[in-house]
N, C-alpha and C. Protein backbone atom coordinates (compact mmCIF):
# COMPACT_ATOMS: atom_id res chain seq x y z
N UNK A 1 8.26 -8.47 -2.32
CA UNK A 1 8.63 -8.15 -0.94
C UNK A 1 8.05 -6.78 -0.59
N UNK A 2 7.36 -6.66 0.54
CA UNK A 2 6.72 -5.42 0.94
C UNK A 2 7.72 -4.49 1.60
N UNK A 3 7.23 -3.31 1.94
CA UNK A 3 8.10 -2.34 2.61
C UNK A 3 8.43 -2.81 4.02
N UNK A 4 9.60 -2.40 4.51
CA UNK A 4 10.05 -2.78 5.85
C UNK A 4 9.24 -2.02 6.89
N UNK A 5 8.70 -2.74 7.87
CA UNK A 5 7.91 -2.12 8.93
C UNK A 5 8.44 -2.47 10.32
N UNK A 6 9.63 -3.03 10.39
CA UNK A 6 10.20 -3.45 11.66
C UNK A 6 10.97 -2.34 12.36
N UNK A 7 11.74 -2.69 13.42
CA UNK A 7 12.52 -1.71 14.18
C UNK A 7 13.57 -1.04 13.30
N UNK A 8 13.58 0.29 13.29
CA UNK A 8 14.45 1.00 12.36
C UNK A 8 15.87 1.15 12.88
N UNK A 9 16.03 1.27 14.19
CA UNK A 9 17.39 1.33 14.74
C UNK A 9 18.09 -0.01 14.52
N UNK A 10 17.35 -1.07 14.72
CA UNK A 10 17.90 -2.41 14.48
C UNK A 10 18.35 -2.56 13.02
N UNK A 11 17.57 -2.01 12.12
CA UNK A 11 17.93 -2.07 10.71
C UNK A 11 19.22 -1.31 10.44
N UNK A 12 19.38 -0.14 11.05
CA UNK A 12 20.60 0.63 10.87
C UNK A 12 21.82 -0.12 11.39
N UNK A 13 21.66 -0.81 12.51
CA UNK A 13 22.76 -1.60 13.06
C UNK A 13 23.12 -2.75 12.12
N UNK A 14 22.11 -3.36 11.54
CA UNK A 14 22.36 -4.48 10.64
C UNK A 14 23.13 -4.04 9.40
N UNK A 15 22.79 -2.85 8.88
CA UNK A 15 23.46 -2.35 7.68
C UNK A 15 24.74 -1.58 7.99
N UNK A 16 24.89 -1.17 9.25
CA UNK A 16 26.11 -0.48 9.65
C UNK A 16 26.18 0.98 9.24
N UNK A 17 25.03 1.60 8.91
CA UNK A 17 25.00 3.02 8.55
C UNK A 17 23.76 3.67 9.12
N UNK A 18 23.76 5.00 9.14
CA UNK A 18 22.58 5.76 9.53
C UNK A 18 21.71 6.01 8.31
N UNK A 19 20.42 5.76 8.46
CA UNK A 19 19.46 6.02 7.38
C UNK A 19 18.61 7.21 7.80
N UNK A 20 19.15 8.42 7.64
CA UNK A 20 18.50 9.62 8.13
C UNK A 20 17.15 9.88 7.47
N UNK A 21 16.98 9.43 6.23
CA UNK A 21 15.72 9.68 5.54
C UNK A 21 14.61 8.74 5.99
N UNK A 22 15.00 7.63 6.60
CA UNK A 22 14.02 6.65 7.09
C UNK A 22 13.59 6.96 8.51
N UNK A 23 14.54 7.34 9.37
CA UNK A 23 14.24 7.58 10.78
C UNK A 23 15.24 8.55 11.37
N UNK A 24 14.80 9.30 12.39
CA UNK A 24 15.70 10.20 13.11
C UNK A 24 16.20 9.56 14.40
N UNK A 25 15.77 8.33 14.67
CA UNK A 25 16.24 7.63 15.86
C UNK A 25 17.70 7.26 15.69
N UNK A 26 18.46 7.41 16.76
CA UNK A 26 19.89 7.18 16.72
C UNK A 26 20.27 5.95 17.52
N UNK A 27 21.34 5.30 17.09
CA UNK A 27 21.93 4.22 17.89
C UNK A 27 22.58 4.86 19.11
N UNK A 28 22.31 4.33 20.30
CA UNK A 28 22.68 5.02 21.53
C UNK A 28 24.18 5.17 21.74
N UNK A 29 24.96 4.23 21.31
CA UNK A 29 26.40 4.31 21.54
C UNK A 29 27.16 3.77 20.34
N UNK A 30 28.42 4.19 20.23
CA UNK A 30 29.27 3.70 19.14
C UNK A 30 29.46 2.20 19.24
N UNK A 31 29.50 1.69 20.47
CA UNK A 31 29.68 0.25 20.65
C UNK A 31 28.52 -0.51 20.03
N UNK A 32 27.29 -0.02 20.24
CA UNK A 32 26.12 -0.67 19.66
C UNK A 32 26.11 -0.50 18.14
N UNK A 33 26.60 0.64 17.66
CA UNK A 33 26.62 0.87 16.22
C UNK A 33 27.56 -0.12 15.54
N UNK A 34 28.63 -0.49 16.22
CA UNK A 34 29.62 -1.39 15.64
C UNK A 34 29.34 -2.86 15.94
N UNK A 35 28.15 -3.15 16.46
CA UNK A 35 27.79 -4.53 16.74
C UNK A 35 26.49 -4.87 16.02
N UNK A 36 26.32 -6.15 15.74
CA UNK A 36 25.12 -6.61 15.06
C UNK A 36 23.94 -6.63 16.01
N UNK A 37 22.69 -6.48 15.53
CA UNK A 37 21.53 -6.55 16.40
C UNK A 37 21.34 -7.95 16.95
N UNK A 38 20.69 -8.04 18.10
CA UNK A 38 20.45 -9.33 18.72
C UNK A 38 20.67 -9.25 20.22
N UNK A 39 20.39 -10.34 20.91
CA UNK A 39 20.46 -10.35 22.37
C UNK A 39 21.85 -10.03 22.88
N UNK A 40 22.87 -10.59 22.23
CA UNK A 40 24.23 -10.42 22.72
C UNK A 40 25.01 -9.36 21.96
N UNK A 41 24.49 -8.89 20.85
CA UNK A 41 25.15 -7.82 20.11
C UNK A 41 26.57 -8.14 19.71
N UNK A 42 26.77 -9.21 18.98
CA UNK A 42 28.12 -9.62 18.60
C UNK A 42 28.79 -8.51 17.78
N UNK A 43 30.09 -8.28 18.02
CA UNK A 43 30.81 -7.23 17.27
C UNK A 43 30.77 -7.49 15.77
N UNK A 44 30.71 -6.39 15.01
CA UNK A 44 30.73 -6.51 13.56
C UNK A 44 32.16 -6.82 13.12
N UNK A 45 32.37 -7.99 12.59
CA UNK A 45 33.71 -8.42 12.21
C UNK A 45 34.07 -7.90 10.82
N UNK A 46 35.35 -7.59 10.68
CA UNK A 46 35.84 -7.14 9.39
C UNK A 46 36.23 -8.34 8.54
N UNK A 47 35.25 -8.94 7.94
CA UNK A 47 35.49 -10.10 7.09
C UNK A 47 35.23 -9.70 5.64
N UNK A 48 35.85 -10.40 4.75
CA UNK A 48 35.67 -10.12 3.34
C UNK A 48 34.32 -10.66 2.88
N UNK A 49 33.47 -9.76 2.42
CA UNK A 49 32.15 -10.16 1.97
C UNK A 49 32.22 -10.67 0.54
N UNK A 50 31.34 -11.59 0.21
CA UNK A 50 31.25 -12.05 -1.17
C UNK A 50 30.71 -10.91 -2.03
N UNK A 51 30.95 -11.00 -3.32
CA UNK A 51 30.45 -9.97 -4.23
C UNK A 51 28.93 -9.87 -4.17
N UNK A 52 28.28 -11.00 -4.06
CA UNK A 52 26.81 -11.00 -3.97
C UNK A 52 26.36 -10.27 -2.71
N UNK A 53 27.03 -10.55 -1.58
CA UNK A 53 26.64 -9.92 -0.31
C UNK A 53 26.84 -8.41 -0.37
N UNK A 54 27.93 -7.96 -0.98
CA UNK A 54 28.17 -6.52 -1.09
C UNK A 54 27.08 -5.85 -1.93
N UNK A 55 26.72 -6.49 -3.03
CA UNK A 55 25.66 -5.93 -3.88
C UNK A 55 24.32 -5.92 -3.16
N UNK A 56 24.05 -7.00 -2.43
CA UNK A 56 22.79 -7.09 -1.69
C UNK A 56 22.69 -5.99 -0.64
N UNK A 57 23.77 -5.76 0.11
CA UNK A 57 23.74 -4.75 1.17
C UNK A 57 23.55 -3.35 0.59
N UNK A 58 24.19 -3.06 -0.54
CA UNK A 58 24.00 -1.75 -1.16
C UNK A 58 22.56 -1.58 -1.64
N UNK A 59 22.00 -2.65 -2.19
CA UNK A 59 20.60 -2.59 -2.62
C UNK A 59 19.68 -2.36 -1.44
N UNK A 60 19.95 -3.02 -0.32
CA UNK A 60 19.12 -2.86 0.87
C UNK A 60 19.20 -1.44 1.42
N UNK A 61 20.39 -0.85 1.41
CA UNK A 61 20.54 0.54 1.86
C UNK A 61 19.62 1.45 1.06
N UNK A 62 19.64 1.28 -0.24
CA UNK A 62 18.84 2.13 -1.12
C UNK A 62 17.35 1.89 -0.89
N UNK A 63 16.95 0.65 -0.83
CA UNK A 63 15.54 0.31 -0.69
C UNK A 63 14.97 0.79 0.63
N UNK A 64 15.71 0.56 1.72
CA UNK A 64 15.20 0.94 3.03
C UNK A 64 15.24 2.45 3.24
N UNK A 65 16.27 3.12 2.74
CA UNK A 65 16.36 4.56 2.93
C UNK A 65 15.17 5.29 2.32
N UNK A 66 14.78 4.87 1.12
CA UNK A 66 13.65 5.51 0.45
C UNK A 66 12.33 4.80 0.74
N UNK A 67 12.40 3.73 1.53
CA UNK A 67 11.21 2.98 1.94
C UNK A 67 10.34 2.58 0.74
N UNK A 68 10.98 1.92 -0.22
CA UNK A 68 10.25 1.40 -1.37
C UNK A 68 10.31 -0.12 -1.33
N UNK A 69 9.37 -0.76 -1.97
CA UNK A 69 9.34 -2.21 -2.01
C UNK A 69 10.35 -2.73 -3.03
N UNK A 70 10.62 -4.03 -2.95
CA UNK A 70 11.52 -4.66 -3.91
C UNK A 70 11.00 -4.48 -5.34
N UNK A 71 9.71 -4.63 -5.51
CA UNK A 71 9.10 -4.49 -6.83
C UNK A 71 9.27 -3.06 -7.36
N UNK A 72 9.06 -2.08 -6.48
CA UNK A 72 9.20 -0.69 -6.91
C UNK A 72 10.64 -0.38 -7.33
N UNK A 73 11.60 -0.84 -6.52
CA UNK A 73 13.00 -0.56 -6.84
C UNK A 73 13.39 -1.19 -8.17
N UNK A 74 12.96 -2.42 -8.40
CA UNK A 74 13.27 -3.09 -9.67
C UNK A 74 12.63 -2.35 -10.84
N UNK A 75 11.45 -1.79 -10.61
CA UNK A 75 10.80 -1.02 -11.67
C UNK A 75 11.62 0.23 -12.02
N UNK A 76 12.19 0.87 -10.99
CA UNK A 76 13.05 2.02 -11.25
C UNK A 76 14.32 1.61 -12.00
N UNK A 77 14.86 0.45 -11.66
CA UNK A 77 16.03 -0.06 -12.37
C UNK A 77 15.71 -0.24 -13.85
N UNK A 78 14.58 -0.87 -14.14
CA UNK A 78 14.20 -1.11 -15.54
C UNK A 78 13.96 0.21 -16.28
N UNK A 79 13.34 1.16 -15.59
CA UNK A 79 13.11 2.46 -16.22
C UNK A 79 14.42 3.18 -16.50
N UNK A 80 15.37 3.09 -15.55
CA UNK A 80 16.66 3.75 -15.72
C UNK A 80 17.45 3.16 -16.88
N UNK A 81 17.30 1.87 -17.10
CA UNK A 81 18.01 1.21 -18.22
C UNK A 81 17.57 1.76 -19.57
N UNK A 82 16.34 2.24 -19.64
CA UNK A 82 15.81 2.74 -20.91
C UNK A 82 16.22 4.19 -21.19
N UNK A 83 16.78 4.85 -20.17
CA UNK A 83 17.16 6.26 -20.30
C UNK A 83 18.66 6.37 -20.56
N UNK A 84 19.05 7.22 -21.48
CA UNK A 84 20.46 7.38 -21.80
C UNK A 84 21.21 8.00 -20.63
N UNK A 85 22.34 7.42 -20.26
CA UNK A 85 23.14 7.93 -19.17
C UNK A 85 23.54 6.83 -18.21
N UNK A 86 24.11 7.22 -17.06
CA UNK A 86 24.53 6.27 -16.04
C UNK A 86 23.31 5.68 -15.34
N UNK A 87 23.10 4.39 -15.46
CA UNK A 87 21.91 3.76 -14.89
C UNK A 87 21.83 3.98 -13.38
N UNK A 88 22.95 3.85 -12.68
CA UNK A 88 22.95 4.03 -11.23
C UNK A 88 22.53 5.42 -10.83
N UNK A 89 23.08 6.43 -11.48
CA UNK A 89 22.71 7.82 -11.17
C UNK A 89 21.25 8.08 -11.49
N UNK A 90 20.78 7.56 -12.59
CA UNK A 90 19.39 7.78 -12.98
C UNK A 90 18.43 7.16 -11.97
N UNK A 91 18.79 5.99 -11.43
CA UNK A 91 17.96 5.37 -10.39
C UNK A 91 17.86 6.30 -9.18
N UNK A 92 19.00 6.84 -8.75
CA UNK A 92 18.99 7.77 -7.62
C UNK A 92 18.14 9.00 -7.93
N UNK A 93 18.25 9.51 -9.13
CA UNK A 93 17.48 10.69 -9.51
C UNK A 93 15.99 10.39 -9.54
N UNK A 94 15.61 9.22 -10.02
CA UNK A 94 14.19 8.84 -10.02
C UNK A 94 13.64 8.77 -8.60
N UNK A 95 14.43 8.24 -7.68
CA UNK A 95 14.00 8.14 -6.28
C UNK A 95 13.94 9.53 -5.64
N UNK A 96 14.91 10.38 -5.96
CA UNK A 96 14.94 11.72 -5.37
C UNK A 96 13.86 12.63 -5.93
N UNK A 97 13.40 12.36 -7.14
CA UNK A 97 12.38 13.22 -7.75
C UNK A 97 10.96 12.72 -7.49
N UNK A 98 10.82 11.68 -6.67
CA UNK A 98 9.49 11.28 -6.21
C UNK A 98 8.90 12.41 -5.37
N UNK A 99 7.59 12.54 -5.40
CA UNK A 99 6.95 13.63 -4.66
C UNK A 99 7.19 13.52 -3.16
N UNK A 100 7.11 12.30 -2.60
CA UNK A 100 7.32 12.19 -1.15
C UNK A 100 8.74 12.58 -0.76
N UNK A 101 9.73 12.25 -1.60
CA UNK A 101 11.11 12.65 -1.30
C UNK A 101 11.27 14.16 -1.40
N UNK A 102 10.65 14.77 -2.40
CA UNK A 102 10.73 16.23 -2.56
C UNK A 102 10.11 16.93 -1.35
N UNK A 103 8.95 16.47 -0.91
CA UNK A 103 8.29 17.06 0.26
C UNK A 103 9.19 16.96 1.49
N UNK A 104 9.85 15.83 1.65
CA UNK A 104 10.79 15.66 2.77
C UNK A 104 11.99 16.59 2.63
N UNK A 105 12.57 16.68 1.45
CA UNK A 105 13.74 17.54 1.23
C UNK A 105 13.41 19.02 1.44
N UNK A 106 12.15 19.38 1.24
CA UNK A 106 11.72 20.76 1.48
C UNK A 106 11.50 21.04 2.96
N UNK A 107 11.75 20.03 3.80
CA UNK A 107 11.65 20.17 5.25
C UNK A 107 10.21 20.26 5.74
N UNK A 108 9.28 19.72 4.97
CA UNK A 108 7.88 19.75 5.36
C UNK A 108 7.48 18.55 6.20
N UNK A 109 8.37 17.57 6.32
CA UNK A 109 8.10 16.37 7.11
C UNK A 109 9.41 15.86 7.70
N UNK A 110 9.28 15.09 8.77
CA UNK A 110 10.46 14.63 9.51
C UNK A 110 11.20 13.51 8.77
N UNK A 111 10.47 12.66 8.08
CA UNK A 111 11.07 11.55 7.34
C UNK A 111 10.34 11.40 6.01
N UNK A 112 10.87 10.55 5.15
CA UNK A 112 10.20 10.29 3.88
C UNK A 112 8.85 9.62 4.12
N UNK A 113 8.77 8.74 5.11
CA UNK A 113 7.50 8.09 5.41
C UNK A 113 6.45 9.09 5.87
N UNK A 114 6.87 10.07 6.69
CA UNK A 114 5.94 11.11 7.13
C UNK A 114 5.50 11.97 5.94
N UNK A 115 6.43 12.24 5.03
CA UNK A 115 6.09 13.00 3.82
C UNK A 115 5.10 12.22 2.96
N UNK A 116 5.27 10.92 2.92
CA UNK A 116 4.37 10.07 2.14
C UNK A 116 2.94 10.17 2.67
N UNK A 117 2.81 10.25 3.98
CA UNK A 117 1.48 10.41 4.58
C UNK A 117 0.86 11.75 4.21
N UNK A 118 1.68 12.80 4.23
CA UNK A 118 1.17 14.12 3.85
C UNK A 118 0.60 14.08 2.44
N UNK A 119 1.31 13.43 1.55
CA UNK A 119 0.86 13.35 0.15
C UNK A 119 -0.42 12.52 0.04
N UNK A 120 -0.41 11.33 0.62
CA UNK A 120 -1.55 10.42 0.47
C UNK A 120 -2.80 10.94 1.16
N UNK A 121 -2.64 11.80 2.17
CA UNK A 121 -3.80 12.35 2.88
C UNK A 121 -4.30 13.66 2.26
N UNK A 122 -3.73 14.04 1.13
CA UNK A 122 -4.27 15.18 0.40
C UNK A 122 -3.82 16.54 0.88
N UNK A 123 -2.62 16.65 1.44
CA UNK A 123 -2.13 17.93 1.95
C UNK A 123 -1.19 18.65 0.99
N UNK A 124 -0.84 18.03 -0.14
CA UNK A 124 0.18 18.58 -1.03
C UNK A 124 -0.37 18.79 -2.44
N UNK A 125 0.00 19.91 -3.04
CA UNK A 125 -0.36 20.20 -4.42
C UNK A 125 0.89 20.34 -5.28
N UNK A 126 0.77 19.96 -6.54
CA UNK A 126 1.83 20.17 -7.53
C UNK A 126 1.25 21.04 -8.64
N UNK A 127 1.85 22.21 -8.83
CA UNK A 127 1.35 23.16 -9.84
C UNK A 127 -0.13 23.46 -9.62
N UNK A 128 -0.48 23.68 -8.35
CA UNK A 128 -1.84 24.06 -7.94
C UNK A 128 -2.87 22.95 -8.13
N UNK A 129 -2.42 21.73 -8.34
CA UNK A 129 -3.34 20.60 -8.47
C UNK A 129 -3.02 19.56 -7.40
N UNK A 130 -4.07 19.05 -6.75
CA UNK A 130 -3.88 18.06 -5.70
C UNK A 130 -3.31 16.77 -6.27
N UNK A 131 -2.25 16.27 -5.62
CA UNK A 131 -1.64 14.99 -6.01
C UNK A 131 -1.55 14.12 -4.77
N UNK A 132 -2.12 12.93 -4.83
CA UNK A 132 -2.12 12.03 -3.67
C UNK A 132 -1.28 10.78 -3.91
N UNK A 133 -0.51 10.77 -4.98
CA UNK A 133 0.34 9.62 -5.30
C UNK A 133 1.77 9.95 -4.90
N UNK A 134 2.28 9.26 -3.88
CA UNK A 134 3.60 9.57 -3.34
C UNK A 134 4.71 9.35 -4.35
N UNK A 135 4.53 8.40 -5.26
CA UNK A 135 5.56 8.07 -6.25
C UNK A 135 5.51 8.98 -7.48
N UNK A 136 4.64 9.97 -7.47
CA UNK A 136 4.53 10.91 -8.59
C UNK A 136 5.90 11.49 -8.90
N UNK A 137 6.30 11.45 -10.19
CA UNK A 137 7.61 11.95 -10.59
C UNK A 137 7.55 13.45 -10.88
N UNK A 138 8.23 14.22 -10.04
CA UNK A 138 8.29 15.67 -10.24
C UNK A 138 9.31 16.01 -11.32
N UNK A 139 9.16 17.21 -11.88
CA UNK A 139 10.03 17.67 -12.96
C UNK A 139 10.55 19.07 -12.65
N UNK A 140 11.70 19.44 -13.23
CA UNK A 140 12.18 20.82 -13.06
C UNK A 140 11.10 21.82 -13.48
N UNK A 141 10.91 22.84 -12.67
CA UNK A 141 9.88 23.83 -12.93
C UNK A 141 8.60 23.61 -12.16
N UNK A 142 8.42 22.42 -11.59
CA UNK A 142 7.22 22.14 -10.79
C UNK A 142 7.21 22.99 -9.52
N UNK A 143 6.01 23.41 -9.12
CA UNK A 143 5.81 24.16 -7.88
C UNK A 143 5.09 23.26 -6.87
N UNK A 144 5.65 23.15 -5.69
CA UNK A 144 5.07 22.32 -4.64
C UNK A 144 4.46 23.23 -3.59
N UNK A 145 3.18 23.08 -3.33
CA UNK A 145 2.50 23.95 -2.38
C UNK A 145 1.60 23.14 -1.46
N UNK A 146 1.06 23.83 -0.46
CA UNK A 146 0.20 23.20 0.53
C UNK A 146 -1.26 23.34 0.10
N UNK A 147 -2.05 22.32 0.30
CA UNK A 147 -3.48 22.41 -0.01
C UNK A 147 -4.08 23.59 0.74
N UNK A 148 -5.00 24.33 0.12
CA UNK A 148 -5.48 25.59 0.70
C UNK A 148 -6.39 25.43 1.90
N UNK A 149 -6.73 24.22 2.31
CA UNK A 149 -7.63 24.07 3.46
C UNK A 149 -6.89 24.35 4.76
N UNK A 150 -7.63 24.70 5.79
CA UNK A 150 -7.06 25.12 7.07
C UNK A 150 -6.28 24.00 7.75
N UNK A 151 -6.78 22.77 7.67
CA UNK A 151 -6.11 21.64 8.32
C UNK A 151 -4.71 21.44 7.76
N UNK A 152 -4.59 21.47 6.44
CA UNK A 152 -3.29 21.26 5.79
C UNK A 152 -2.31 22.36 6.18
N UNK A 153 -2.76 23.60 6.15
CA UNK A 153 -1.88 24.72 6.47
C UNK A 153 -1.38 24.65 7.91
N UNK A 154 -2.27 24.35 8.84
CA UNK A 154 -1.87 24.26 10.24
C UNK A 154 -0.91 23.10 10.47
N UNK A 155 -1.17 21.99 9.80
CA UNK A 155 -0.30 20.81 9.94
C UNK A 155 1.11 21.12 9.47
N UNK A 156 1.24 21.74 8.31
CA UNK A 156 2.56 22.05 7.76
C UNK A 156 3.25 23.12 8.60
N UNK A 157 2.50 24.10 9.08
CA UNK A 157 3.10 25.14 9.93
C UNK A 157 3.68 24.52 11.20
N UNK A 158 2.96 23.60 11.79
CA UNK A 158 3.47 22.92 12.99
C UNK A 158 4.70 22.09 12.66
N UNK A 159 4.69 21.43 11.51
CA UNK A 159 5.86 20.66 11.10
C UNK A 159 7.09 21.55 10.95
N UNK A 160 6.91 22.70 10.29
CA UNK A 160 8.03 23.62 10.08
C UNK A 160 8.53 24.19 11.40
N UNK A 161 7.61 24.45 12.31
CA UNK A 161 7.99 25.03 13.60
C UNK A 161 8.75 24.04 14.46
N UNK A 162 8.41 22.77 14.36
CA UNK A 162 9.01 21.74 15.21
C UNK A 162 10.20 21.04 14.56
N UNK A 163 10.52 21.37 13.32
CA UNK A 163 11.63 20.73 12.62
C UNK A 163 12.93 21.45 12.89
N UNK A 164 13.99 20.67 13.00
CA UNK A 164 15.32 21.26 13.05
C UNK A 164 15.62 21.89 11.70
N UNK A 165 16.20 23.09 11.73
CA UNK A 165 16.43 23.84 10.49
C UNK A 165 17.33 23.08 9.53
N UNK A 166 16.80 22.78 8.34
CA UNK A 166 17.59 22.14 7.29
C UNK A 166 17.38 22.95 6.02
N UNK A 167 18.44 23.27 5.36
CA UNK A 167 18.31 23.98 4.09
C UNK A 167 18.06 22.98 2.97
N UNK A 168 17.15 23.30 2.06
CA UNK A 168 16.90 22.38 0.94
C UNK A 168 18.15 22.19 0.10
N UNK A 169 18.29 21.05 -0.56
CA UNK A 169 19.41 20.85 -1.48
C UNK A 169 19.39 21.87 -2.62
N UNK A 170 20.47 21.93 -3.36
CA UNK A 170 20.64 22.97 -4.37
C UNK A 170 19.63 22.92 -5.50
N UNK A 171 19.04 21.74 -5.73
CA UNK A 171 18.09 21.65 -6.85
C UNK A 171 16.68 22.09 -6.45
N UNK A 172 16.50 22.47 -5.16
CA UNK A 172 15.19 22.88 -4.67
C UNK A 172 15.25 24.28 -4.09
N UNK A 173 14.09 24.91 -3.99
CA UNK A 173 13.98 26.21 -3.34
C UNK A 173 12.66 26.21 -2.57
N UNK A 174 12.64 26.90 -1.41
CA UNK A 174 11.42 26.95 -0.61
C UNK A 174 11.24 28.35 -0.04
N UNK A 175 10.07 28.94 -0.27
CA UNK A 175 9.72 30.25 0.27
C UNK A 175 8.76 30.04 1.43
N UNK A 176 9.28 30.18 2.65
CA UNK A 176 8.46 29.91 3.83
C UNK A 176 7.29 30.87 3.94
N UNK A 177 7.50 32.13 3.55
CA UNK A 177 6.43 33.13 3.65
C UNK A 177 5.24 32.76 2.77
N UNK A 178 5.52 32.15 1.63
CA UNK A 178 4.45 31.74 0.71
C UNK A 178 4.06 30.28 0.88
N UNK A 179 4.80 29.56 1.74
CA UNK A 179 4.57 28.13 1.95
C UNK A 179 4.58 27.39 0.61
N UNK A 180 5.59 27.69 -0.18
CA UNK A 180 5.67 27.08 -1.51
C UNK A 180 7.11 26.75 -1.86
N UNK A 181 7.31 25.58 -2.46
CA UNK A 181 8.64 25.18 -2.90
C UNK A 181 8.67 25.01 -4.41
N UNK A 182 9.87 24.89 -4.93
CA UNK A 182 10.02 24.71 -6.36
C UNK A 182 11.21 23.83 -6.69
N UNK A 183 11.18 23.25 -7.87
CA UNK A 183 12.27 22.39 -8.34
C UNK A 183 13.01 23.13 -9.44
N UNK A 184 14.28 23.47 -9.17
CA UNK A 184 15.07 24.23 -10.12
C UNK A 184 15.66 23.36 -11.22
N UNK A 185 16.07 22.15 -10.84
CA UNK A 185 16.74 21.26 -11.80
C UNK A 185 16.70 19.84 -11.27
N UNK A 186 17.13 18.90 -12.07
CA UNK A 186 17.24 17.51 -11.62
C UNK A 186 18.41 17.42 -10.63
N UNK A 187 18.23 16.66 -9.58
CA UNK A 187 19.26 16.55 -8.55
C UNK A 187 20.54 15.95 -9.14
N UNK A 188 21.71 16.44 -8.68
CA UNK A 188 22.98 15.86 -9.10
C UNK A 188 23.50 14.93 -8.00
N UNK A 189 24.53 14.17 -8.31
CA UNK A 189 25.03 13.15 -7.38
C UNK A 189 25.57 13.76 -6.10
N UNK A 190 26.19 14.94 -6.18
CA UNK A 190 26.79 15.55 -4.99
C UNK A 190 25.75 15.92 -3.94
N UNK A 191 24.53 16.16 -4.38
CA UNK A 191 23.48 16.56 -3.45
C UNK A 191 22.82 15.37 -2.75
N UNK A 192 23.15 14.16 -3.18
CA UNK A 192 22.58 12.95 -2.57
C UNK A 192 23.58 12.42 -1.55
N UNK A 193 23.26 12.54 -0.28
CA UNK A 193 24.22 12.25 0.78
C UNK A 193 24.22 10.80 1.25
N UNK A 194 23.31 10.02 0.76
CA UNK A 194 23.26 8.62 1.19
C UNK A 194 24.54 7.90 0.76
N UNK A 195 25.27 7.29 1.72
CA UNK A 195 26.51 6.58 1.37
C UNK A 195 26.22 5.23 0.74
N UNK A 196 25.92 5.23 -0.53
CA UNK A 196 25.58 3.99 -1.22
C UNK A 196 26.35 3.94 -2.54
N UNK A 197 26.75 2.75 -2.93
CA UNK A 197 27.40 2.53 -4.23
C UNK A 197 26.32 2.07 -5.20
N UNK A 198 25.80 3.00 -5.96
CA UNK A 198 24.67 2.69 -6.84
C UNK A 198 25.07 1.73 -7.96
N UNK A 199 26.35 1.68 -8.30
CA UNK A 199 26.79 0.75 -9.35
C UNK A 199 26.60 -0.70 -8.90
N UNK A 200 26.84 -0.95 -7.61
CA UNK A 200 26.65 -2.30 -7.10
C UNK A 200 25.17 -2.67 -7.09
N UNK A 201 24.31 -1.68 -6.89
CA UNK A 201 22.87 -1.93 -6.94
C UNK A 201 22.46 -2.36 -8.35
N UNK A 202 22.98 -1.66 -9.34
CA UNK A 202 22.68 -2.01 -10.73
C UNK A 202 23.20 -3.41 -11.05
N UNK A 203 24.41 -3.72 -10.55
CA UNK A 203 24.98 -5.05 -10.78
C UNK A 203 24.13 -6.14 -10.13
N UNK A 204 23.54 -5.83 -8.98
CA UNK A 204 22.69 -6.81 -8.28
C UNK A 204 21.54 -7.25 -9.18
N UNK A 205 21.00 -6.32 -9.94
CA UNK A 205 19.85 -6.62 -10.80
C UNK A 205 20.26 -6.97 -12.23
N UNK A 206 21.55 -7.12 -12.48
CA UNK A 206 22.02 -7.27 -13.87
C UNK A 206 21.50 -8.53 -14.55
N UNK A 207 21.17 -9.57 -13.79
CA UNK A 207 20.70 -10.82 -14.39
C UNK A 207 19.19 -10.91 -14.46
N UNK A 208 18.51 -9.83 -14.11
CA UNK A 208 17.05 -9.86 -14.13
C UNK A 208 16.52 -8.99 -15.26
């Protein structure tokens, strides 16, 4: 299954939550937020979901928020299973330590998708080396900087000037004067604000 490329507000209504990392577009009214997408916008009923449906919805929240494909997410699940610790937390950490997510968290782009473009177009360096792979796994101690060419610097400066002020999470640091960020440590669960039950995501893939 490929990445979602459809209407993002509609997706938020379908899942019943805001996906701030995917889009900054907002549902216009609370009434629309509490109704399903479609011509008539039927109200979201409080019905008991099956266990499968609950797991599926949590998986979809995670996949769409980070804009990864089904294959990519399953690959992260398999990788997390091989690492000692809570599989659900490790999956979140793997997604948060992707280069495109780090660039977004440093406030260099409006969304994760926009950050992904910055990386793939050659505007971002890791430890003074150009990296164009958005899924590149960053590590504590890595330095994230802007490519030294004029186009990259002007693009990032405009992004910073037009972005609403957001402070980086506790595991990151950014020096605006030097246009350089750094990773202090692996992200912890408290710093991940996405309202998702990662245990249900792991359970969704438990038979695969």
